[in-house]
Amino acid sequence: ALYSNANDRRRNAAMVFPKQGWVRFNGLLGSPA
């Protein structure tokens, strides 16, 4: 019921979206930690 209510009381629902999208910089301030 919670899934249906959160999607406009529909019985079927689907979507495509970016779950993650990040960039990471290592070794900041001269330390590999």
ModelCIF file with pLDDT and N, C-alpha, C, O atoms, coordinates in Angstrom:
data_MODEL
#
_entry.id   MODEL 
#
_entity.id                         1 
_entity.type                       polymer 
_entity.pdbx_number_of_molecules   1 
#
_entity_poly.entity_id                      1 
_entity_poly.type                           'polypeptide(L)' 
_entity_poly.nstd_linkage                   no 
_entity_poly.nstd_monomer                   no 
_entity_poly.pdbx_seq_one_letter_code       ALYSNANDRRRNAAMVFPKQGWVRFNGLLGSPA 
_entity_poly.pdbx_seq_one_letter_code_can   ALYSNANDRRRNAAMVFPKQGWVRFNGLLGSPA 
_entity_poly.pdbx_strand_id                 A 
#
loop_
_entity_poly_seq.entity_id 
_entity_poly_seq.num 
_entity_poly_seq.mon_id 
_entity_poly_seq.hetero 
1 1  ALA n 
1 2  LEU n 
1 3  TYR n 
1 4  SER n 
1 5  ASN n 
1 6  ALA n 
1 7  ASN n 
1 8  ASP n 
1 9  ARG n 
1 10 ARG n 
1 11 ARG n 
1 12 ASN n 
1 13 ALA n 
1 14 ALA n 
1 15 MET n 
1 16 VAL n 
1 17 PHE n 
1 18 PRO n 
1 19 LYS n 
1 20 GLN n 
1 21 GLY n 
1 22 TRP n 
1 23 VAL n 
1 24 ARG n 
1 25 PHE n 
1 26 ASN n 
1 27 GLY n 
1 28 LEU n 
1 29 LEU n 
1 30 GLY n 
1 31 SER n 
1 32 PRO n 
1 33 ALA n 
#
_struct_asym.id          A 
_struct_asym.entity_id   1 
#
loop_
_ma_qa_metric.id 
_ma_qa_metric.mode 
_ma_qa_metric.name 
_ma_qa_metric.software_group_id 
_ma_qa_metric.type 
1 global pLDDT . pLDDT 
2 local  pLDDT . pLDDT 
#
_ma_qa_metric_global.metric_id      1 
_ma_qa_metric_global.metric_value   95.88 
_ma_qa_metric_global.model_id       1 
_ma_qa_metric_global.ordinal_id     1 
#
loop_
_ma_qa_metric_local.label_asym_id 
_ma_qa_metric_local.label_comp_id 
_ma_qa_metric_local.label_seq_id 
_ma_qa_metric_local.metric_id 
_ma_qa_metric_local.metric_value 
_ma_qa_metric_local.model_id 
_ma_qa_metric_local.ordinal_id 
A ALA 1  2 97.00 1 1  
A LEU 2  2 97.00 1 2  
A TYR 3  2 98.00 1 3  
A SER 4  2 97.00 1 4  
A ASN 5  2 97.00 1 5  
A ALA 6  2 97.00 1 6  
A ASN 7  2 97.00 1 7  
A ASP 8  2 95.00 1 8  
A ARG 9  2 95.00 1 9  
A ARG 10 2 96.00 1 10 
A ARG 11 2 97.00 1 11 
A ASN 12 2 98.00 1 12 
A ALA 13 2 98.00 1 13 
A ALA 14 2 98.00 1 14 
A MET 15 2 98.00 1 15 
A VAL 16 2 98.00 1 16 
A PHE 17 2 98.00 1 17 
A PRO 18 2 98.00 1 18 
A LYS 19 2 98.00 1 19 
A GLN 20 2 98.00 1 20 
A GLY 21 2 98.00 1 21 
A TRP 22 2 98.00 1 22 
A VAL 23 2 98.00 1 23 
A ARG 24 2 98.00 1 24 
A PHE 25 2 97.00 1 25 
A ASN 26 2 96.00 1 26 
A GLY 27 2 93.00 1 27 
A LEU 28 2 92.00 1 28 
A LEU 29 2 87.00 1 29 
A GLY 30 2 86.00 1 30 
A SER 31 2 91.00 1 31 
A PRO 32 2 92.00 1 32 
A ALA 33 2 93.00 1 33 
#
loop_
_atom_site.group_PDB 
_atom_site.id 
_atom_site.type_symbol 
_atom_site.label_atom_id 
_atom_site.label_alt_id 
_atom_site.label_comp_id 
_atom_site.label_asym_id 
_atom_site.label_entity_id 
_atom_site.label_seq_id 
_atom_site.pdbx_PDB_ins_code 
_atom_site.Cartn_x 
_atom_site.Cartn_y 
_atom_site.Cartn_z 
_atom_site.occupancy 
_atom_site.B_iso_or_equiv 
_atom_site.pdbx_formal_charge 
_atom_site.auth_seq_id 
_atom_site.auth_comp_id 
_atom_site.auth_asym_id 
_atom_site.auth_atom_id 
_atom_site.pdbx_PDB_model_num 
ATOM 1   N N  . ALA A 1 1  ? 0.832  -1.203 0.000   1.00 97.00 ? 1  ALA A N  1 
ATOM 2   C CA . ALA A 1 1  ? 0.000  0.000  0.000   1.00 97.00 ? 1  ALA A CA 1 
ATOM 3   C C  . ALA A 1 1  ? 0.863  1.247  0.000   1.00 97.00 ? 1  ALA A C  1 
ATOM 4   O O  . ALA A 1 1  ? 0.534  2.226  -0.670  1.00 97.00 ? 1  ALA A O  1 
ATOM 5   N N  . LEU A 1 2  ? 1.969  1.227  0.745   1.00 97.00 ? 2  LEU A N  1 
ATOM 6   C CA . LEU A 1 2  ? 2.850  2.390  0.792   1.00 97.00 ? 2  LEU A CA 1 
ATOM 7   C C  . LEU A 1 2  ? 3.492  2.652  -0.563  1.00 97.00 ? 2  LEU A C  1 
ATOM 8   O O  . LEU A 1 2  ? 3.584  3.805  -0.984  1.00 97.00 ? 2  LEU A O  1 
ATOM 9   N N  . TYR A 1 3  ? 3.936  1.609  -1.252  1.00 98.00 ? 3  TYR A N  1 
ATOM 10  C CA . TYR A 1 3  ? 4.483  1.777  -2.600  1.00 98.00 ? 3  TYR A CA 1 
ATOM 11  C C  . TYR A 1 3  ? 3.429  2.381  -3.535  1.00 98.00 ? 3  TYR A C  1 
ATOM 12  O O  . TYR A 1 3  ? 3.732  3.306  -4.289  1.00 98.00 ? 3  TYR A O  1 
ATOM 13  N N  . SER A 1 4  ? 2.214  1.874  -3.489  1.00 97.00 ? 4  SER A N  1 
ATOM 14  C CA . SER A 1 4  ? 1.175  2.383  -4.370  1.00 97.00 ? 4  SER A CA 1 
ATOM 15  C C  . SER A 1 4  ? 0.864  3.842  -4.067  1.00 97.00 ? 4  SER A C  1 
ATOM 16  O O  . SER A 1 4  ? 0.754  4.656  -4.984  1.00 97.00 ? 4  SER A O  1 
ATOM 17  N N  . ASN A 1 5  ? 0.721  4.183  -2.777  1.00 97.00 ? 5  ASN A N  1 
ATOM 18  C CA . ASN A 1 5  ? 0.419  5.561  -2.397  1.00 97.00 ? 5  ASN A CA 1 
ATOM 19  C C  . ASN A 1 5  ? 1.521  6.519  -2.827  1.00 97.00 ? 5  ASN A C  1 
ATOM 20  O O  . ASN A 1 5  ? 1.241  7.646  -3.236  1.00 97.00 ? 5  ASN A O  1 
ATOM 21  N N  . ALA A 1 6  ? 2.770  6.078  -2.738  1.00 97.00 ? 6  ALA A N  1 
ATOM 22  C CA . ALA A 1 6  ? 3.897  6.937  -3.094  1.00 97.00 ? 6  ALA A CA 1 
ATOM 23  C C  . ALA A 1 6  ? 4.017  7.153  -4.593  1.00 97.00 ? 6  ALA A C  1 
ATOM 24  O O  . ALA A 1 6  ? 4.750  8.036  -5.038  1.00 97.00 ? 6  ALA A O  1 
ATOM 25  N N  . ASN A 1 7  ? 3.296  6.348  -5.377  1.00 97.00 ? 7  ASN A N  1 
ATOM 26  C CA . ASN A 1 7  ? 3.345  6.449  -6.837  1.00 97.00 ? 7  ASN A CA 1 
ATOM 27  C C  . ASN A 1 7  ? 1.950  6.709  -7.411  1.00 97.00 ? 7  ASN A C  1 
ATOM 28  O O  . ASN A 1 7  ? 1.526  6.068  -8.373  1.00 97.00 ? 7  ASN A O  1 
ATOM 29  N N  . ASP A 1 8  ? 1.250  7.665  -6.794  1.00 95.00 ? 8  ASP A N  1 
ATOM 30  C CA . ASP A 1 8  ? -0.041 8.150  -7.284  1.00 95.00 ? 8  ASP A CA 1 
ATOM 31  C C  . ASP A 1 8  ? -1.108 7.070  -7.329  1.00 95.00 ? 8  ASP A C  1 
ATOM 32  O O  . ASP A 1 8  ? -1.969 7.076  -8.209  1.00 95.00 ? 8  ASP A O  1 
ATOM 33  N N  . ARG A 1 9  ? -1.053 6.130  -6.368  1.00 95.00 ? 9  ARG A N  1 
ATOM 34  C CA . ARG A 1 9  ? -2.043 5.059  -6.238  1.00 95.00 ? 9  ARG A CA 1 
ATOM 35  C C  . ARG A 1 9  ? -2.108 4.177  -7.476  1.00 95.00 ? 9  ARG A C  1 
ATOM 36  O O  . ARG A 1 9  ? -3.148 3.589  -7.774  1.00 95.00 ? 9  ARG A O  1 
ATOM 37  N N  . ARG A 1 10 ? -0.999 4.087  -8.193  1.00 96.00 ? 10 ARG A N  1 
ATOM 38  C CA . ARG A 1 10 ? -0.966 3.234  -9.380  1.00 96.00 ? 10 ARG A CA 1 
ATOM 39  C C  . ARG A 1 10 ? -0.688 1.787  -8.993  1.00 96.00 ? 10 ARG A C  1 
ATOM 40  O O  . ARG A 1 10 ? -0.134 1.515  -7.927  1.00 96.00 ? 10 ARG A O  1 
ATOM 41  N N  . ARG A 1 11 ? -1.073 0.871  -9.855  1.00 97.00 ? 11 ARG A N  1 
ATOM 42  C CA . ARG A 1 11 ? -0.766 -0.544 -9.652  1.00 97.00 ? 11 ARG A CA 1 
ATOM 43  C C  . ARG A 1 11 ? 0.581  -0.916 -10.270 1.00 97.00 ? 11 ARG A C  1 
ATOM 44  O O  . ARG A 1 11 ? 1.220  -1.870 -9.827  1.00 97.00 ? 11 ARG A O  1 
ATOM 45  N N  . ASN A 1 12 ? 1.007  -0.190 -11.264 1.00 98.00 ? 12 ASN A N  1 
ATOM 46  C CA . ASN A 1 12 ? 2.292  -0.440 -11.919 1.00 98.00 ? 12 ASN A CA 1 
ATOM 47  C C  . ASN A 1 12 ? 3.030  0.882  -12.062 1.00 98.00 ? 12 ASN A C  1 
ATOM 48  O O  . ASN A 1 12 ? 2.423  1.907  -12.370 1.00 98.00 ? 12 ASN A O  1 
ATOM 49  N N  . ALA A 1 13 ? 4.334  0.858  -11.840 1.00 98.00 ? 13 ALA A N  1 
ATOM 50  C CA . ALA A 1 13 ? 5.125  2.083  -11.945 1.00 98.00 ? 13 ALA A CA 1 
ATOM 51  C C  . ALA A 1 13 ? 6.569  1.713  -12.269 1.00 98.00 ? 13 ALA A C  1 
ATOM 52  O O  . ALA A 1 13 ? 7.064  0.669  -11.846 1.00 98.00 ? 13 ALA A O  1 
ATOM 53  N N  . ALA A 1 14 ? 7.238  2.585  -13.027 1.00 98.00 ? 14 ALA A N  1 
ATOM 54  C CA . ALA A 1 14 ? 8.634  2.359  -13.402 1.00 98.00 ? 14 ALA A CA 1 
ATOM 55  C C  . ALA A 1 14 ? 9.290  3.702  -13.699 1.00 98.00 ? 14 ALA A C  1 
ATOM 56  O O  . ALA A 1 14 ? 8.612  4.684  -13.999 1.00 98.00 ? 14 ALA A O  1 
ATOM 57  N N  . MET A 1 15 ? 10.629 3.732  -13.612 1.00 98.00 ? 15 MET A N  1 
ATOM 58  C CA . MET A 1 15 ? 11.377 4.956  -13.871 1.00 98.00 ? 15 MET A CA 1 
ATOM 59  C C  . MET A 1 15 ? 12.844 4.587  -14.049 1.00 98.00 ? 15 MET A C  1 
ATOM 60  O O  . MET A 1 15 ? 13.294 3.549  -13.562 1.00 98.00 ? 15 MET A O  1 
ATOM 61  N N  . VAL A 1 16 ? 13.594 5.449  -14.754 1.00 98.00 ? 16 VAL A N  1 
ATOM 62  C CA . VAL A 1 16 ? 15.047 5.341  -14.863 1.00 98.00 ? 16 VAL A CA 1 
ATOM 63  C C  . VAL A 1 16 ? 15.634 6.625  -14.311 1.00 98.00 ? 16 VAL A C  1 
ATOM 64  O O  . VAL A 1 16 ? 15.181 7.714  -14.666 1.00 98.00 ? 16 VAL A O  1 
ATOM 65  N N  . PHE A 1 17 ? 16.639 6.518  -13.445 1.00 98.00 ? 17 PHE A N  1 
ATOM 66  C CA . PHE A 1 17 ? 17.253 7.702  -12.853 1.00 98.00 ? 17 PHE A CA 1 
ATOM 67  C C  . PHE A 1 17 ? 18.702 7.399  -12.465 1.00 98.00 ? 17 PHE A C  1 
ATOM 68  O O  . PHE A 1 17 ? 19.077 6.232  -12.354 1.00 98.00 ? 17 PHE A O  1 
ATOM 69  N N  . PRO A 1 18 ? 19.521 8.435  -12.257 1.00 98.00 ? 18 PRO A N  1 
ATOM 70  C CA . PRO A 1 18 ? 20.911 8.228  -11.830 1.00 98.00 ? 18 PRO A CA 1 
ATOM 71  C C  . PRO A 1 18 ? 20.977 7.900  -10.344 1.00 98.00 ? 18 PRO A C  1 
ATOM 72  O O  . PRO A 1 18 ? 20.722 8.764  -9.505  1.00 98.00 ? 18 PRO A O  1 
ATOM 73  N N  . LYS A 1 19 ? 21.316 6.665  -10.015 1.00 98.00 ? 19 LYS A N  1 
ATOM 74  C CA . LYS A 1 19 ? 21.430 6.241  -8.624  1.00 98.00 ? 19 LYS A CA 1 
ATOM 75  C C  . LYS A 1 19 ? 22.706 6.785  -7.986  1.00 98.00 ? 19 LYS A C  1 
ATOM 76  O O  . LYS A 1 19 ? 22.694 7.211  -6.831  1.00 98.00 ? 19 LYS A O  1 
ATOM 77  N N  . GLN A 1 20 ? 23.803 6.770  -8.739  1.00 98.00 ? 20 GLN A N  1 
ATOM 78  C CA . GLN A 1 20 ? 25.064 7.329  -8.272  1.00 98.00 ? 20 GLN A CA 1 
ATOM 79  C C  . GLN A 1 20 ? 25.753 8.043  -9.437  1.00 98.00 ? 20 GLN A C  1 
ATOM 80  O O  . GLN A 1 20 ? 25.594 7.675  -10.601 1.00 98.00 ? 20 GLN A O  1 
ATOM 81  N N  . GLY A 1 21 ? 26.505 9.052  -9.091  1.00 98.00 ? 21 GLY A N  1 
ATOM 82  C CA . GLY A 1 21 ? 27.308 9.760  -10.067 1.00 98.00 ? 21 GLY A CA 1 
ATOM 83  C C  . GLY A 1 21 ? 28.308 10.622 -9.322  1.00 98.00 ? 21 GLY A C  1 
ATOM 84  O O  . GLY A 1 21 ? 28.005 11.760 -8.964  1.00 98.00 ? 21 GLY A O  1 
ATOM 85  N N  . TRP A 1 22 ? 29.491 10.092 -9.086  1.00 98.00 ? 22 TRP A N  1 
ATOM 86  C CA . TRP A 1 22 ? 30.456 10.784 -8.247  1.00 98.00 ? 22 TRP A CA 1 
ATOM 87  C C  . TRP A 1 22 ? 31.861 10.696 -8.816  1.00 98.00 ? 22 TRP A C  1 
ATOM 88  O O  . TRP A 1 22 ? 32.167 9.848  -9.655  1.00 98.00 ? 22 TRP A O  1 
ATOM 89  N N  . VAL A 1 23 ? 32.708 11.599 -8.335  1.00 98.00 ? 23 VAL A N  1 
ATOM 90  C CA . VAL A 1 23 ? 34.126 11.572 -8.636  1.00 98.00 ? 23 VAL A CA 1 
ATOM 91  C C  . VAL A 1 23 ? 34.877 11.659 -7.309  1.00 98.00 ? 23 VAL A C  1 
ATOM 92  O O  . VAL A 1 23 ? 34.492 12.418 -6.420  1.00 98.00 ? 23 VAL A O  1 
ATOM 93  N N  . ARG A 1 24 ? 35.955 10.877 -7.181  1.00 98.00 ? 24 ARG A N  1 
ATOM 94  C CA . ARG A 1 24 ? 36.721 10.840 -5.936  1.00 98.00 ? 24 ARG A CA 1 
ATOM 95  C C  . ARG A 1 24 ? 38.175 11.212 -6.220  1.00 98.00 ? 24 ARG A C  1 
ATOM 96  O O  . ARG A 1 24 ? 38.782 10.731 -7.177  1.00 98.00 ? 24 ARG A O  1 
ATOM 97  N N  . PHE A 1 25 ? 38.715 12.077 -5.369  1.00 97.00 ? 25 PHE A N  1 
ATOM 98  C CA . PHE A 1 25 ? 40.105 12.507 -5.464  1.00 97.00 ? 25 PHE A CA 1 
ATOM 99  C C  . PHE A 1 25 ? 40.873 11.911 -4.285  1.00 97.00 ? 25 PHE A C  1 
ATOM 100 O O  . PHE A 1 25 ? 40.524 12.137 -3.127  1.00 97.00 ? 25 PHE A O  1 
ATOM 101 N N  . ASN A 1 26 ? 41.927 11.146 -4.596  1.00 96.00 ? 26 ASN A N  1 
ATOM 102 C CA . ASN A 1 26 ? 42.724 10.488 -3.567  1.00 96.00 ? 26 ASN A CA 1 
ATOM 103 C C  . ASN A 1 26 ? 44.044 11.221 -3.370  1.00 96.00 ? 26 ASN A C  1 
ATOM 104 O O  . ASN A 1 26 ? 44.497 11.970 -4.236  1.00 96.00 ? 26 ASN A O  1 
ATOM 105 N N  . GLY A 1 27 ? 44.651 10.987 -2.203  1.00 93.00 ? 27 GLY A N  1 
ATOM 106 C CA . GLY A 1 27 ? 45.958 11.578 -1.934  1.00 93.00 ? 27 GLY A CA 1 
ATOM 107 C C  . GLY A 1 27 ? 45.926 13.070 -1.687  1.00 93.00 ? 27 GLY A C  1 
ATOM 108 O O  . GLY A 1 27 ? 46.890 13.770 -2.000  1.00 93.00 ? 27 GLY A O  1 
ATOM 109 N N  . LEU A 1 28 ? 44.834 13.571 -1.132  1.00 92.00 ? 28 LEU A N  1 
ATOM 110 C CA . LEU A 1 28 ? 44.722 15.000 -0.862  1.00 92.00 ? 28 LEU A CA 1 
ATOM 111 C C  . LEU A 1 28 ? 45.707 15.431 0.216   1.00 92.00 ? 28 LEU A C  1 
ATOM 112 O O  . LEU A 1 28 ? 46.048 14.648 1.102   1.00 92.00 ? 28 LEU A O  1 
ATOM 113 N N  . LEU A 1 29 ? 46.165 16.682 0.137   1.00 87.00 ? 29 LEU A N  1 
ATOM 114 C CA . LEU A 1 29 ? 47.091 17.267 1.099   1.00 87.00 ? 29 LEU A CA 1 
ATOM 115 C C  . LEU A 1 29 ? 48.366 16.441 1.230   1.00 87.00 ? 29 LEU A C  1 
ATOM 116 O O  . LEU A 1 29 ? 49.008 16.422 2.280   1.00 87.00 ? 29 LEU A O  1 
ATOM 117 N N  . GLY A 1 30 ? 48.715 15.763 0.150   1.00 86.00 ? 30 GLY A N  1 
ATOM 118 C CA . GLY A 1 30 ? 49.967 15.008 0.118   1.00 86.00 ? 30 GLY A CA 1 
ATOM 119 C C  . GLY A 1 30 ? 49.955 13.710 0.881   1.00 86.00 ? 30 GLY A C  1 
ATOM 120 O O  . GLY A 1 30 ? 51.012 13.110 1.076   1.00 86.00 ? 30 GLY A O  1 
ATOM 121 N N  . SER A 1 31 ? 48.773 13.242 1.333   1.00 91.00 ? 31 SER A N  1 
ATOM 122 C CA . SER A 1 31 ? 48.696 12.003 2.112   1.00 91.00 ? 31 SER A CA 1 
ATOM 123 C C  . SER A 1 31 ? 47.833 10.982 1.388   1.00 91.00 ? 31 SER A C  1 
ATOM 124 O O  . SER A 1 31 ? 46.707 11.301 1.006   1.00 91.00 ? 31 SER A O  1 
ATOM 125 N N  . PRO A 1 32 ? 48.328 9.757  1.186   1.00 92.00 ? 32 PRO A N  1 
ATOM 126 C CA . PRO A 1 32 ? 47.517 8.713  0.546   1.00 92.00 ? 32 PRO A CA 1 
ATOM 127 C C  . PRO A 1 32 ? 46.332 8.283  1.402   1.00 92.00 ? 32 PRO A C  1 
ATOM 128 O O  . PRO A 1 32 ? 45.453 7.570  0.919   1.00 92.00 ? 32 PRO A O  1 
ATOM 129 N N  . ALA A 1 33 ? 46.294 8.700  2.660   1.00 93.00 ? 33 ALA A N  1 
ATOM 130 C CA . ALA A 1 33 ? 45.202 8.326  3.556   1.00 93.00 ? 33 ALA A CA 1 
ATOM 131 C C  . ALA A 1 33 ? 43.952 9.159  3.320   1.00 93.00 ? 33 ALA A C  1 
ATOM 132 O O  . ALA A 1 33 ? 42.943 8.964  3.997   1.00 93.00 ? 33 ALA A O  1 
#
